[in-house]
Amino acid sequence: MFPKKANIEFVEVASRSHLKMVVYERGAGPTLACGTGACALTVAAVLAGKADRACTVSLPGGDLFIEWDEGDNHVYMTGPAEPVFEGTYPL
């Protein structure tokens, strides 16, 4: 159905202020988090009438706080950032 594969997010609406999400990314499989997906999820949930403009999105890697600001129409993401890999690329 998706010959070039796809990124897929599975979502549970726990409440209007709490969404739960797991992510499957093409080429990587299940991932700990996806900030872009969490932001898109929040906007979609607000537009569908399922969530408030500010909510917590819980992912396997931790919680993100997402806010879709009505005043400037920007989406803001707040949450922890932690290194999960380190490497070098030979030139």
PDB file of N, CA and C in Angstrom:
ATOM      1  N   MET A   1       0.809  -1.186   0.000  1.00  0.00           N
ATOM      2  CA  MET A   1       0.000   0.000   0.000  1.00  0.00           C
ATOM      3  C   MET A   1       0.864   1.267   0.000  1.00  0.00           C
ATOM      4  N   PHE A   2       2.010   1.234   0.697  1.00  0.00           N
ATOM      5  CA  PHE A   2       2.927   2.364   0.729  1.00  0.00           C
ATOM      6  C   PHE A   2       4.277   1.896   0.202  1.00  0.00           C
ATOM      7  N   PRO A   3       4.496   1.924  -1.119  1.00  0.00           N
ATOM      8  CA  PRO A   3       5.729   1.374  -1.695  1.00  0.00           C
ATOM      9  C   PRO A   3       6.998   2.074  -1.196  1.00  0.00           C
ATOM     10  N   LYS A   4       6.919   3.346  -0.835  1.00  0.00           N
ATOM     11  CA  LYS A   4       8.093   4.061  -0.313  1.00  0.00           C
ATOM     12  C   LYS A   4       8.077   4.106   1.213  1.00  0.00           C
ATOM     13  N   LYS A   5       7.206   3.285   1.809  1.00  0.00           N
ATOM     14  CA  LYS A   5       7.024   3.201   3.252  1.00  0.00           C
ATOM     15  C   LYS A   5       6.392   4.477   3.785  1.00  0.00           C
ATOM     16  N   ALA A   6       6.133   4.528   5.081  1.00  0.00           N
ATOM     17  CA  ALA A   6       5.457   5.685   5.666  1.00  0.00           C
ATOM     18  C   ALA A   6       5.797   5.811   7.139  1.00  0.00           C
ATOM     19  N   ASN A   7       5.699   7.032   7.640  1.00  0.00           N
ATOM     20  CA  ASN A   7       5.759   7.263   9.072  1.00  0.00           C
ATOM     21  C   ASN A   7       4.330   7.171   9.590  1.00  0.00           C
ATOM     22  N   ILE A   8       4.141   6.411  10.659  1.00  0.00           N
ATOM     23  CA  ILE A   8       2.796   6.190  11.183  1.00  0.00           C
ATOM     24  C   ILE A   8       2.796   6.474  12.674  1.00  0.00           C
ATOM     25  N   GLU A   9       1.775   7.177  13.137  1.00  0.00           N
ATOM     26  CA  GLU A   9       1.624   7.477  14.551  1.00  0.00           C
ATOM     27  C   GLU A   9       0.318   6.885  15.050  1.00  0.00           C
ATOM     28  N   PHE A  10       0.392   6.204  16.176  1.00  0.00           N
ATOM     29  CA  PHE A  10      -0.792   5.647  16.811  1.00  0.00           C
ATOM     30  C   PHE A  10      -1.081   6.509  18.031  1.00  0.00           C
ATOM     31  N   VAL A  11      -2.342   6.907  18.177  1.00  0.00           N
ATOM     32  CA  VAL A  11      -2.689   7.909  19.170  1.00  0.00           C
ATOM     33  C   VAL A  11      -3.839   7.444  20.053  1.00  0.00           C
ATOM     34  N   GLU A  12      -3.742   7.786  21.333  1.00  0.00           N
ATOM     35  CA  GLU A  12      -4.849   7.602  22.270  1.00  0.00           C
ATOM     36  C   GLU A  12      -5.136   8.951  22.909  1.00  0.00           C
ATOM     37  N   VAL A  13      -6.390   9.375  22.902  1.00  0.00           N
ATOM     38  CA  VAL A  13      -6.782  10.599  23.593  1.00  0.00           C
ATOM     39  C   VAL A  13      -7.131  10.199  25.023  1.00  0.00           C
ATOM     40  N   ALA A  14      -6.223  10.464  25.952  1.00  0.00           N
ATOM     41  CA  ALA A  14      -6.465  10.137  27.358  1.00  0.00           C
ATOM     42  C   ALA A  14      -7.410  11.159  27.980  1.00  0.00           C
ATOM     43  N   SER A  15      -7.239  12.427  27.596  1.00  0.00           N
ATOM     44  CA  SER A  15      -8.128  13.508  28.019  1.00  0.00           C
ATOM     45  C   SER A  15      -7.889  14.686  27.075  1.00  0.00           C
ATOM     46  N   ARG A  16      -8.598  15.767  27.272  1.00  0.00           N
ATOM     47  CA  ARG A  16      -8.410  16.948  26.415  1.00  0.00           C
ATOM     48  C   ARG A  16      -7.034  17.575  26.603  1.00  0.00           C
ATOM     49  N   SER A  17      -6.373  17.266  27.711  1.00  0.00           N
ATOM     50  CA  SER A  17      -5.058  17.849  27.963  1.00  0.00           C
ATOM     51  C   SER A  17      -3.935  16.811  27.964  1.00  0.00           C
ATOM     52  N   HIS A  18      -4.273  15.564  27.574  1.00  0.00           N
ATOM     53  CA  HIS A  18      -3.255  14.503  27.587  1.00  0.00           C
ATOM     54  C   HIS A  18      -3.486  13.539  26.420  1.00  0.00           C
ATOM     55  N   LEU A  19      -2.508  13.499  25.530  1.00  0.00           N
ATOM     56  CA  LEU A  19      -2.538  12.595  24.383  1.00  0.00           C
ATOM     57  C   LEU A  19      -1.381  11.612  24.524  1.00  0.00           C
ATOM     58  N   LYS A  20      -1.586  10.386  24.095  1.00  0.00           N
ATOM     59  CA  LYS A  20      -0.527   9.374  24.116  1.00  0.00           C
ATOM     60  C   LYS A  20      -0.238   8.964  22.676  1.00  0.00           C
ATOM     61  N   MET A  21       1.057   8.817  22.351  1.00  0.00           N
ATOM     62  CA  MET A  21       1.433   8.547  20.973  1.00  0.00           C
ATOM     63  C   MET A  21       2.612   7.584  20.913  1.00  0.00           C
ATOM     64  N   VAL A  22       2.561   6.636  19.980  1.00  0.00           N
ATOM     65  CA  VAL A  22       3.723   5.831  19.630  1.00  0.00           C
ATOM     66  C   VAL A  22       3.975   6.027  18.141  1.00  0.00           C
ATOM     67  N   VAL A  23       5.237   5.933  17.764  1.00  0.00           N
ATOM     68  CA  VAL A  23       5.645   6.286  16.407  1.00  0.00           C
ATOM     69  C   VAL A  23       6.388   5.134  15.741  1.00  0.00           C
ATOM     70  N   TYR A  24       6.066   4.890  14.479  1.00  0.00           N
ATOM     71  CA  TYR A  24       6.804   3.956  13.632  1.00  0.00           C
ATOM     72  C   TYR A  24       7.322   4.776  12.457  1.00  0.00           C
ATOM     73  N   GLU A  25       8.646   4.909  12.339  1.00  0.00           N
ATOM     74  CA  GLU A  25       9.231   5.714  11.265  1.00  0.00           C
ATOM     75  C   GLU A  25       9.835   4.827  10.193  1.00  0.00           C
ATOM     76  N   ARG A  26       9.563   5.181   8.949  1.00  0.00           N
ATOM     77  CA  ARG A  26      10.084   4.396   7.829  1.00  0.00           C
ATOM     78  C   ARG A  26      11.605   4.338   7.917  1.00  0.00           C
ATOM     79  N   GLY A  27      12.122   3.162   7.704  1.00  0.00           N
ATOM     80  CA  GLY A  27      13.561   2.958   7.726  1.00  0.00           C
ATOM     81  C   GLY A  27      14.157   2.802   9.117  1.00  0.00           C
ATOM     82  N   ALA A  28      13.385   3.121  10.167  1.00  0.00           N
ATOM     83  CA  ALA A  28      13.924   3.037  11.521  1.00  0.00           C
ATOM     84  C   ALA A  28      13.103   2.122  12.420  1.00  0.00           C
ATOM     85  N   GLY A  29      11.825   1.983  12.116  1.00  0.00           N
ATOM     86  CA  GLY A  29      10.940   1.188  12.961  1.00  0.00           C
ATOM     87  C   GLY A  29      10.403   2.016  14.113  1.00  0.00           C
ATOM     88  N   PRO A  30      10.059   1.367  15.225  1.00  0.00           N
ATOM     89  CA  PRO A  30       9.532   2.113  16.376  1.00  0.00           C
ATOM     90  C   PRO A  30      10.601   3.068  16.918  1.00  0.00           C
ATOM     91  N   THR A  31      10.207   4.294  17.247  1.00  0.00           N
ATOM     92  CA  THR A  31      11.145   5.271  17.795  1.00  0.00           C
ATOM     93  C   THR A  31      10.661   5.744  19.159  1.00  0.00           C
ATOM     94  N   LEU A  32      11.564   6.363  19.911  1.00  0.00           N
ATOM     95  CA  LEU A  32      11.225   6.841  21.252  1.00  0.00           C
ATOM     96  C   LEU A  32      10.354   8.092  21.220  1.00  0.00           C
ATOM     97  N   ALA A  33      10.517   8.915  20.194  1.00  0.00           N
ATOM     98  CA  ALA A  33       9.761  10.164  20.137  1.00  0.00           C
ATOM     99  C   ALA A  33       9.820  10.757  18.743  1.00  0.00           C
ATOM    100  N   CYS A  34       8.903  11.684  18.482  1.00  0.00           N
ATOM    101  CA  CYS A  34       8.897  12.441  17.237  1.00  0.00           C
ATOM    102  C   CYS A  34       8.242  13.786  17.536  1.00  0.00           C
ATOM    103  N   GLY A  35       9.073  14.811  17.695  1.00  0.00           N
ATOM    104  CA  GLY A  35       8.559  16.133  18.037  1.00  0.00           C
ATOM    105  C   GLY A  35       7.652  16.707  16.975  1.00  0.00           C
ATOM    106  N   THR A  36       8.034  16.558  15.710  1.00  0.00           N
ATOM    107  CA  THR A  36       7.202  17.057  14.622  1.00  0.00           C
ATOM    108  C   THR A  36       5.854  16.360  14.635  1.00  0.00           C
ATOM    109  N   GLY A  37       5.855  15.052  14.843  1.00  0.00           N
ATOM    110  CA  GLY A  37       4.612  14.297  14.901  1.00  0.00           C
ATOM    111  C   GLY A  37       3.756  14.705  16.081  1.00  0.00           C
ATOM    112  N   ALA A  38       4.381  14.970  17.235  1.00  0.00           N
ATOM    113  CA  ALA A  38       3.632  15.393  18.415  1.00  0.00           C
ATOM    114  C   ALA A  38       2.963  16.742  18.179  1.00  0.00           C
ATOM    115  N   CYS A  39       3.659  17.639  17.494  1.00  0.00           N
ATOM    116  CA  CYS A  39       3.071  18.945  17.164  1.00  0.00           C
ATOM    117  C   CYS A  39       1.908  18.780  16.187  1.00  0.00           C
ATOM    118  N   ALA A  40       2.112  17.981  15.148  1.00  0.00           N
ATOM    119  CA  ALA A  40       1.052  17.743  14.170  1.00  0.00           C
ATOM    120  C   ALA A  40      -0.150  17.066  14.817  1.00  0.00           C
ATOM    121  N   LEU A  41       0.114  16.115  15.705  1.00  0.00           N
ATOM    122  CA  LEU A  41      -0.956  15.429  16.423  1.00  0.00           C
ATOM    123  C   LEU A  41      -1.795  16.420  17.215  1.00  0.00           C
ATOM    124  N   THR A  42      -1.141  17.325  17.927  1.00  0.00           N
ATOM    125  CA  THR A  42      -1.872  18.291  18.742  1.00  0.00           C
ATOM    126  C   THR A  42      -2.758  19.180  17.885  1.00  0.00           C
ATOM    127  N   VAL A  43      -2.225  19.688  16.780  1.00  0.00           N
ATOM    128  CA  VAL A  43      -3.037  20.524  15.884  1.00  0.00           C
ATOM    129  C   VAL A  43      -4.223  19.730  15.348  1.00  0.00           C
ATOM    130  N   ALA A  44      -3.980  18.502  14.908  1.00  0.00           N
ATOM    131  CA  ALA A  44      -5.070  17.667  14.375  1.00  0.00           C
ATOM    132  C   ALA A  44      -6.115  17.385  15.444  1.00  0.00           C
ATOM    133  N   ALA A  45      -5.672  17.107  16.677  1.00  0.00           N
ATOM    134  CA  ALA A  45      -6.619  16.816  17.757  1.00  0.00           C
ATOM    135  C   ALA A  45      -7.448  18.044  18.110  1.00  0.00           C
ATOM    136  N   VAL A  46      -6.828  19.229  18.084  1.00  0.00           N
ATOM    137  CA  VAL A  46      -7.575  20.465  18.342  1.00  0.00           C
ATOM    138  C   VAL A  46      -8.605  20.679  17.247  1.00  0.00           C
ATOM    139  N   LEU A  47      -8.189  20.546  15.988  1.00  0.00           N
ATOM    140  CA  LEU A  47      -9.111  20.740  14.865  1.00  0.00           C
ATOM    141  C   LEU A  47     -10.261  19.743  14.883  1.00  0.00           C
ATOM    142  N   ALA A  48     -10.006  18.543  15.411  1.00  0.00           N
ATOM    143  CA  ALA A  48     -11.050  17.517  15.499  1.00  0.00           C
ATOM    144  C   ALA A  48     -11.919  17.685  16.750  1.00  0.00           C
ATOM    145  N   GLY A  49     -11.589  18.670  17.585  1.00  0.00           N
ATOM    146  CA  GLY A  49     -12.365  18.896  18.796  1.00  0.00           C
ATOM    147  C   GLY A  49     -12.067  17.913  19.909  1.00  0.00           C
ATOM    148  N   LYS A  50     -10.906  17.257  19.862  1.00  0.00           N
ATOM    149  CA  LYS A  50     -10.551  16.224  20.842  1.00  0.00           C
ATOM    150  C   LYS A  50      -9.587  16.712  21.921  1.00  0.00           C
ATOM    151  N   ALA A  51      -8.937  17.869  21.710  1.00  0.00           N
ATOM    152  CA  ALA A  51      -7.920  18.317  22.655  1.00  0.00           C
ATOM    153  C   ALA A  51      -7.924  19.832  22.780  1.00  0.00           C
ATOM    154  N   ASP A  52      -7.353  20.292  23.892  1.00  0.00           N
ATOM    155  CA  ASP A  52      -7.147  21.720  24.102  1.00  0.00           C
ATOM    156  C   ASP A  52      -5.904  22.161  23.345  1.00  0.00           C
ATOM    157  N   ARG A  53      -5.734  23.469  23.200  1.00  0.00           N
ATOM    158  CA  ARG A  53      -4.586  24.007  22.466  1.00  0.00           C
ATOM    159  C   ARG A  53      -3.265  23.801  23.200  1.00  0.00           C
ATOM    160  N   ALA A  54      -3.308  23.497  24.461  1.00  0.00           N
ATOM    161  CA  ALA A  54      -2.104  23.195  25.236  1.00  0.00           C
ATOM    162  C   ALA A  54      -2.306  21.841  25.896  1.00  0.00           C
ATOM    163  N   CYS A  55      -1.410  20.916  25.615  1.00  0.00           N
ATOM    164  CA  CYS A  55      -1.567  19.584  26.202  1.00  0.00           C
ATOM    165  C   CYS A  55      -0.221  18.860  26.285  1.00  0.00           C
ATOM    166  N   THR A  56      -0.236  17.804  27.057  1.00  0.00           N
ATOM    167  CA  THR A  56       0.929  16.933  27.188  1.00  0.00           C
ATOM    168  C   THR A  56       0.776  15.770  26.222  1.00  0.00           C
ATOM    169  N   VAL A  57       1.836  15.482  25.481  1.00  0.00           N
ATOM    170  CA  VAL A  57       1.858  14.320  24.600  1.00  0.00           C
ATOM    171  C   VAL A  57       2.870  13.340  25.188  1.00  0.00           C
ATOM    172  N   SER A  58       2.411  12.182  25.594  1.00  0.00           N
ATOM    173  CA  SER A  58       3.286  11.158  26.172  1.00  0.00           C
ATOM    174  C   SER A  58       3.763  10.213  25.083  1.00  0.00           C
ATOM    175  N   LEU A  59       5.080  10.032  25.024  1.00  0.00           N
ATOM    176  CA  LEU A  59       5.718   9.128  24.064  1.00  0.00           C
ATOM    177  C   LEU A  59       6.602   8.167  24.847  1.00  0.00           C
ATOM    178  N   PRO A  60       7.035   7.060  24.237  1.00  0.00           N
ATOM    179  CA  PRO A  60       7.901   6.122  24.959  1.00  0.00           C
ATOM    180  C   PRO A  60       9.164   6.777  25.527  1.00  0.00           C
ATOM    181  N   GLY A  61       9.672   7.820  24.866  1.00  0.00           N
ATOM    182  CA  GLY A  61      10.883   8.501  25.327  1.00  0.00           C
ATOM    183  C   GLY A  61      10.644   9.580  26.355  1.00  0.00           C
ATOM    184  N   GLY A  62       9.391   9.875  26.664  1.00  0.00           N
ATOM    185  CA  GLY A  62       9.090  10.909  27.654  1.00  0.00           C
ATOM    186  C   GLY A  62       7.948  11.796  27.201  1.00  0.00           C
ATOM    187  N   ASP A  63       7.618  12.743  28.041  1.00  0.00           N
ATOM    188  CA  ASP A  63       6.504  13.651  27.771  1.00  0.00           C
ATOM    189  C   ASP A  63       6.977  14.935  27.112  1.00  0.00           C
ATOM    190  N   LEU A  64       6.154  15.440  26.196  1.00  0.00           N
ATOM    191  CA  LEU A  64       6.368  16.742  25.580  1.00  0.00           C
ATOM    192  C   LEU A  64       5.155  17.605  25.887  1.00  0.00           C
ATOM    193  N   PHE A  65       5.379  18.897  26.130  1.00  0.00           N
ATOM    194  CA  PHE A  65       4.279  19.826  26.288  1.00  0.00           C
ATOM    195  C   PHE A  65       4.161  20.591  24.976  1.00  0.00           C
ATOM    196  N   ILE A  66       3.000  20.513  24.355  1.00  0.00           N
ATOM    197  CA  ILE A  66       2.772  21.151  23.060  1.00  0.00           C
ATOM    198  C   ILE A  66       1.698  22.210  23.229  1.00  0.00           C
ATOM    199  N   GLU A  67       1.956  23.395  22.677  1.00  0.00           N
ATOM    200  CA  GLU A  67       0.964  24.461  22.716  1.00  0.00           C
ATOM    201  C   GLU A  67       0.822  25.079  21.336  1.00  0.00           C
ATOM    202  N   TRP A  68      -0.415  25.146  20.846  1.00  0.00           N
ATOM    203  CA  TRP A  68      -0.729  25.832  19.591  1.00  0.00           C
ATOM    204  C   TRP A  68      -1.283  27.191  19.985  1.00  0.00           C
ATOM    205  N   ASP A  69      -0.437  28.214  19.902  1.00  0.00           N
ATOM    206  CA  ASP A  69      -0.783  29.553  20.360  1.00  0.00           C
ATOM    207  C   ASP A  69      -1.786  30.205  19.414  1.00  0.00           C
ATOM    208  N   GLU A  70      -2.918  30.579  19.951  1.00  0.00           N
ATOM    209  CA  GLU A  70      -3.969  31.199  19.126  1.00  0.00           C
ATOM    210  C   GLU A  70      -3.570  32.589  18.656  1.00  0.00           C
ATOM    211  N   GLY A  71      -2.777  33.296  19.468  1.00  0.00           N
ATOM    212  CA  GLY A  71      -2.390  34.656  19.130  1.00  0.00           C
ATOM    213  C   GLY A  71      -1.474  34.764  17.922  1.00  0.00           C
ATOM    214  N   ASP A  72      -0.458  33.923  17.852  1.00  0.00           N
ATOM    215  CA  ASP A  72       0.496  34.005  16.728  1.00  0.00           C
ATOM    216  C   ASP A  72       0.414  32.815  15.777  1.00  0.00           C
ATOM    217  N   ASN A  73      -0.468  31.857  16.078  1.00  0.00           N
ATOM    218  CA  ASN A  73      -0.685  30.669  15.247  1.00  0.00           C
ATOM    219  C   ASN A  73       0.569  29.792  15.112  1.00  0.00           C
ATOM    220  N   HIS A  74       1.474  29.892  16.082  1.00  0.00           N
ATOM    221  CA  HIS A  74       2.663  29.038  16.091  1.00  0.00           C
ATOM    222  C   HIS A  74       2.449  27.872  17.047  1.00  0.00           C
ATOM    223  N   VAL A  75       3.156  26.783  16.783  1.00  0.00           N
ATOM    224  CA  VAL A  75       3.102  25.614  17.654  1.00  0.00           C
ATOM    225  C   VAL A  75       4.431  25.542  18.406  1.00  0.00           C
ATOM    226  N   TYR A  76       4.344  25.459  19.736  1.00  0.00           N
ATOM    227  CA  TYR A  76       5.528  25.427  20.582  1.00  0.00           C
ATOM    228  C   TYR A  76       5.646  24.078  21.267  1.00  0.00           C
ATOM    229  N   MET A  77       6.874  23.554  21.309  1.00  0.00           N
ATOM    230  CA  MET A  77       7.135  22.268  21.945  1.00  0.00           C
ATOM    231  C   MET A  77       8.156  22.474  23.062  1.00  0.00           C
ATOM    232  N   THR A  78       7.827  21.938  24.237  1.00  0.00           N
ATOM    233  CA  THR A  78       8.737  22.011  25.373  1.00  0.00           C
ATOM    234  C   THR A  78       8.915  20.612  25.927  1.00  0.00           C
ATOM    235  N   GLY A  79      10.151  20.247  26.175  1.00  0.00           N
ATOM    236  CA  GLY A  79      10.410  18.924  26.725  1.00  0.00           C
ATOM    237  C   GLY A  79      11.893  18.677  26.847  1.00  0.00           C
ATOM    238  N   PRO A  80      12.257  17.545  27.411  1.00  0.00           N
ATOM    239  CA  PRO A  80      13.675  17.235  27.604  1.00  0.00           C
ATOM    240  C   PRO A  80      14.356  16.864  26.293  1.00  0.00           C
ATOM    241  N   ALA A  81      15.639  17.135  26.255  1.00  0.00           N
ATOM    242  CA  ALA A  81      16.469  16.688  25.126  1.00  0.00           C
ATOM    243  C   ALA A  81      17.637  15.910  25.713  1.00  0.00           C
ATOM    244  N   GLU A  82      17.798  14.685  25.268  1.00  0.00           N
ATOM    245  CA  GLU A  82      18.857  13.852  25.810  1.00  0.00           C
ATOM    246  C   GLU A  82      19.576  13.130  24.676  1.00  0.00           C
ATOM    247  N   PRO A  83      20.909  13.084  24.718  1.00  0.00           N
ATOM    248  CA  PRO A  83      21.625  12.336  23.679  1.00  0.00           C
ATOM    249  C   PRO A  83      21.324  10.839  23.808  1.00  0.00           C
ATOM    250  N   VAL A  84      21.082  10.198  22.678  1.00  0.00           N
ATOM    251  CA  VAL A  84      20.839   8.770  22.671  1.00  0.00           C
ATOM    252  C   VAL A  84      21.861   8.024  21.810  1.00  0.00           C
ATOM    253  N   PHE A  85      22.723   8.796  21.118  1.00  0.00           N
ATOM    254  CA  PHE A  85      23.722   8.168  20.257  1.00  0.00           C
ATOM    255  C   PHE A  85      24.843   9.158  20.025  1.00  0.00           C
ATOM    256  N   GLU A  86      26.043   8.655  19.883  1.00  0.00           N
ATOM    257  CA  GLU A  86      27.187   9.483  19.532  1.00  0.00           C
ATOM    258  C   GLU A  86      28.016   8.715  18.529  1.00  0.00           C
ATOM    259  N   GLY A  87      28.527   9.401  17.536  1.00  0.00           N
ATOM    260  CA  GLY A  87      29.323   8.719  16.524  1.00  0.00           C
ATOM    261  C   GLY A  87      30.146   9.706  15.725  1.00  0.00           C
ATOM    262  N   THR A  88      30.959   9.170  14.855  1.00  0.00           N
ATOM    263  CA  THR A  88      31.756  10.012  13.951  1.00  0.00           C
ATOM    264  C   THR A  88      31.542   9.503  12.535  1.00  0.00           C
ATOM    265  N   TYR A  89      31.677  10.419  11.601  1.00  0.00           N
ATOM    266  CA  TYR A  89      31.552  10.080  10.200  1.00  0.00           C
ATOM    267  C   TYR A  89      32.889  10.360   9.532  1.00  0.00           C
ATOM    268  N   PRO A  90      33.495   9.339   8.932  1.00  0.00           N
ATOM    269  CA  PRO A  90      34.814   9.561   8.304  1.00  0.00           C
ATOM    270  C   PRO A  90      34.684  10.434   7.058  1.00  0.00           C
ATOM    271  N   LEU A  91      35.579  11.411   6.953  1.00  0.00           N
ATOM    272  CA  LEU A  91      35.564  12.311   5.790  1.00  0.00           C
ATOM    273  C   LEU A  91      36.368  11.794   4.651  1.00  0.00           C
TER     274      LEU A  91
END
